Amino acid sequence: MATVEVVLKDIGTVVLVDGFAAVSGSIRVDSSNIWTPIVPADLPGSDLNAMAERLANGGKAKGRVLYARHVPFPVADSVLVAALCLHIDTGVVRIIHVARCTSSFVPLQIEYAMKQLIHCMKLVAGKHKCNCVEWVHSSEQAAKSSCKSYGFRNVARKGQRYGGLRKNQFLVEFRL
C-alpha cells in the first residue's frame, strides 16, 4: 500500500513517501529515507551535488529528496528516472532542484516521472497543511515551461516569498 506522510519528529519535519504511483513495469516514487539508488545515478555533477546537499546533515532521514524510479517487470533493480530536492518548513513546501536522467529514458518516460513527482509534492503540501507548492527555477524559460506543462503560475518578484532566493531565480506556484 502506497503511503505519503508528513510528520513532525525530533529531527524536524519528515516526509515519508513509500511506493507512490507504484506500478510494476512503470514508475514508483519514494523519498530518500525509504529508497536510495543502488548505483550512482547517471546525472550531471551539478544534479548530484544538489541532491547530496539536500541529503547532508540529516536530510536523508527527513526525506528531502524524492526519487522517481523505473520498476521493471518482472521486478529487478530499479533505475532512477528523475528526482527532486525539496524544502519543507512551516507553511512552505518548495521544489528547489529537479534532476532528469535523460541518457537511459525517452522523453515520454521522463515526463511521466515528472508528473508523478509533482503530483506527489501536491499531496505532501496537503499533508503539511500548505495551500500551494512552490518551485524555484534558475531561468525564466524553465519557469514558463513549468507553468505550461504542469499548471504552475508565476509569483510576482516582490514580497517575502522571494526572500532567500537569488536575483537570477524565478518562483512559480501551484495553488491547491
Protein backbone atom coordinates (compact mmCIF):
# COMPACT_ATOMS: atom_id res chain seq x y z
CA MET A 1 0.00 0.00 0.00
CA ALA A 2 1.45 3.35 -1.02
CA THR A 3 1.90 5.99 1.67
CA VAL A 4 2.57 9.73 1.68
CA GLU A 5 3.10 11.16 5.16
CA VAL A 6 4.45 14.36 6.68
CA VAL A 7 5.25 14.01 10.38
CA LEU A 8 6.96 16.18 12.97
CA LYS A 9 9.80 14.35 14.74
CA ASP A 10 12.66 15.42 16.96
CA ILE A 11 14.88 15.86 13.86
CA GLY A 12 12.32 18.17 12.24
CA THR A 13 9.57 17.75 9.68
CA VAL A 14 9.92 14.36 7.99
CA VAL A 15 8.48 13.39 4.61
CA LEU A 16 7.81 9.67 4.11
CA VAL A 17 6.84 8.57 0.61
CA ASP A 18 6.73 4.83 0.06
CA GLY A 19 5.59 3.46 -3.28
CA PHE A 20 3.55 6.39 -4.57
CA ALA A 21 2.20 5.64 -8.09
CA ALA A 22 3.86 2.23 -7.90
CA VAL A 23 3.01 0.03 -10.83
CA SER A 24 5.23 -2.87 -11.85
CA GLY A 25 6.77 -2.08 -15.22
CA SER A 26 6.28 1.64 -14.66
CA ILE A 27 7.25 4.43 -12.23
CA ARG A 28 7.42 4.39 -8.44
CA VAL A 29 8.09 7.43 -6.20
CA ASP A 30 9.93 7.05 -2.89
CA SER A 31 11.56 9.50 -0.51
CA SER A 32 15.27 9.29 0.30
CA ASN A 33 14.56 7.82 3.74
CA ILE A 34 12.83 4.86 2.06
CA TRP A 35 14.99 4.18 -1.04
CA THR A 36 18.42 5.15 -2.33
CA PRO A 37 19.74 4.34 -5.82
CA ILE A 38 21.94 1.22 -5.72
CA VAL A 39 24.31 2.52 -8.37
CA PRO A 40 25.29 6.17 -8.81
CA ALA A 41 22.68 7.94 -10.88
CA ASP A 42 23.58 8.81 -14.47
CA LEU A 43 23.23 12.55 -13.85
CA PRO A 44 25.39 15.63 -14.36
CA GLY A 45 27.63 16.61 -11.45
CA SER A 46 25.52 19.68 -10.66
CA ASP A 47 22.45 17.47 -10.14
CA LEU A 48 24.40 15.01 -7.99
CA ASN A 49 25.80 17.90 -5.92
CA ALA A 50 22.33 19.42 -5.38
CA MET A 51 20.99 16.05 -4.26
CA ALA A 52 23.96 15.43 -1.94
CA GLU A 53 23.46 18.88 -0.41
CA ARG A 54 19.81 18.08 0.40
CA LEU A 55 20.75 14.69 1.86
CA ALA A 56 23.50 16.10 4.11
CA ASN A 57 23.01 16.83 7.81
CA GLY A 58 20.01 14.57 8.33
CA GLY A 59 18.29 15.43 5.05
CA LYS A 60 18.19 11.76 4.08
CA ALA A 61 16.46 10.90 7.35
CA LYS A 62 13.98 13.73 6.70
CA GLY A 63 13.14 12.54 3.16
CA ARG A 64 14.41 15.71 1.45
CA VAL A 65 14.81 14.06 -1.98
CA LEU A 66 12.03 12.29 -3.84
CA TYR A 67 13.08 9.67 -6.38
CA ALA A 68 11.01 8.55 -9.36
CA ARG A 69 12.37 5.20 -10.43
CA HIS A 70 11.54 2.72 -13.13
CA VAL A 71 10.34 -0.57 -11.69
CA PRO A 72 10.85 -3.21 -14.37
CA PHE A 73 8.57 -6.20 -14.90
CA PRO A 74 9.50 -8.78 -13.83
CA VAL A 75 10.85 -6.97 -10.80
CA ALA A 76 14.61 -6.36 -10.80
CA ASP A 77 16.84 -3.50 -9.68
CA SER A 78 15.16 -0.13 -10.14
CA VAL A 79 16.79 2.63 -12.14
CA LEU A 80 16.45 6.33 -11.32
CA VAL A 81 14.43 8.30 -13.90
CA ALA A 82 14.09 11.67 -12.14
CA ALA A 83 14.50 13.20 -8.70
CA LEU A 84 13.56 16.39 -6.98
CA CYS A 85 15.02 18.12 -3.96
CA LEU A 86 12.51 19.69 -1.64
CA HIS A 87 12.43 22.19 1.17
CA ILE A 88 9.74 21.85 3.78
CA ASP A 89 9.23 24.28 6.62
CA THR A 90 6.34 25.86 8.50
CA GLY A 91 3.75 26.66 5.84
CA VAL A 92 6.15 26.04 2.93
CA VAL A 93 6.66 23.15 0.54
CA ARG A 94 9.12 24.08 -2.20
CA ILE A 95 10.80 22.22 -5.06
CA ILE A 96 14.33 23.59 -5.14
CA HIS A 97 16.02 21.33 -7.73
CA VAL A 98 14.97 18.79 -10.34
CA ALA A 99 17.22 16.14 -11.92
CA ARG A 100 16.28 14.15 -15.00
CA CYS A 101 18.19 11.09 -16.22
CA THR A 102 17.98 11.64 -19.98
CA SER A 103 20.56 9.09 -21.14
CA SER A 104 18.57 5.95 -20.28
CA PHE A 105 14.98 7.02 -20.87
CA VAL A 106 12.84 8.50 -23.59
CA PRO A 107 11.26 11.94 -23.03
CA LEU A 108 7.81 10.38 -22.51
CA GLN A 109 9.08 8.29 -19.56
CA ILE A 110 10.79 11.30 -18.02
CA GLU A 111 7.67 13.43 -18.46
CA TYR A 112 5.51 10.75 -16.80
CA ALA A 113 8.00 10.52 -13.89
CA MET A 114 7.94 14.32 -13.50
CA LYS A 115 4.13 14.37 -13.40
CA GLN A 116 4.17 11.69 -10.69
CA LEU A 117 6.78 13.60 -8.66
CA ILE A 118 4.79 16.84 -8.89
CA HIS A 119 1.53 15.10 -8.01
CA CYS A 120 3.29 13.56 -5.00
CA MET A 121 4.54 17.04 -3.97
CA LYS A 122 0.95 18.30 -4.04
CA LEU A 123 -0.02 15.51 -1.63
CA VAL A 124 2.96 16.36 0.60
CA ALA A 125 1.83 20.00 0.66
CA GLY A 126 -1.71 18.98 1.59
CA LYS A 127 -0.46 16.73 4.39
CA HIS A 128 1.72 19.63 5.60
CA LYS A 129 -1.36 21.88 5.61
CA CYS A 130 0.03 24.14 2.87
CA ASN A 131 -2.20 25.62 0.21
CA CYS A 132 0.42 25.64 -2.54
CA VAL A 133 3.57 24.04 -3.90
CA GLU A 134 6.35 26.44 -4.85
CA TRP A 135 9.04 25.68 -7.42
CA VAL A 136 12.31 27.58 -7.82
CA HIS A 137 13.80 27.81 -11.33
CA SER A 138 17.17 29.09 -12.47
CA SER A 139 15.82 30.58 -15.70
CA GLU A 140 12.73 32.42 -16.85
CA GLN A 141 12.30 29.90 -19.68
CA ALA A 142 12.22 26.96 -17.22
CA ALA A 143 9.66 28.81 -15.09
CA LYS A 144 7.45 29.40 -18.14
CA SER A 145 7.81 25.75 -19.15
CA SER A 146 6.62 24.50 -15.74
CA CYS A 147 3.64 26.85 -15.97
CA LYS A 148 2.72 25.47 -19.38
CA SER A 149 3.45 21.78 -18.68
CA TYR A 150 2.32 21.38 -15.07
CA GLY A 151 -0.19 24.15 -14.37
CA PHE A 152 2.02 26.35 -12.19
CA ARG A 153 1.78 30.16 -12.28
CA ASN A 154 4.41 32.88 -11.84
CA VAL A 155 4.85 34.55 -8.45
CA ALA A 156 5.43 38.30 -8.55
CA ARG A 157 9.06 39.24 -7.84
CA LYS A 158 8.25 41.16 -4.69
CA GLY A 159 7.50 40.40 -1.07
CA GLN A 160 8.84 37.84 1.37
CA ARG A 161 8.28 34.81 -0.84
CA TYR A 162 11.38 35.75 -2.83
CA GLY A 163 13.40 36.08 0.39
CA GLY A 164 16.50 33.90 0.29
CA LEU A 165 16.37 33.46 -3.49
CA ARG A 166 18.97 34.90 -5.83
CA LYS A 167 18.12 37.54 -8.41
CA ASN A 168 18.54 35.01 -11.23
CA GLN A 169 15.98 32.61 -9.71
CA PHE A 170 12.29 32.51 -10.59
CA LEU A 171 9.47 31.30 -8.37
CA VAL A 172 6.28 29.64 -9.59
CA GLU A 173 3.42 28.16 -7.57
CA PHE A 174 0.59 25.68 -7.84
CA ARG A 175 -2.37 26.55 -5.61
CA LEU A 176 -4.18 23.60 -4.06
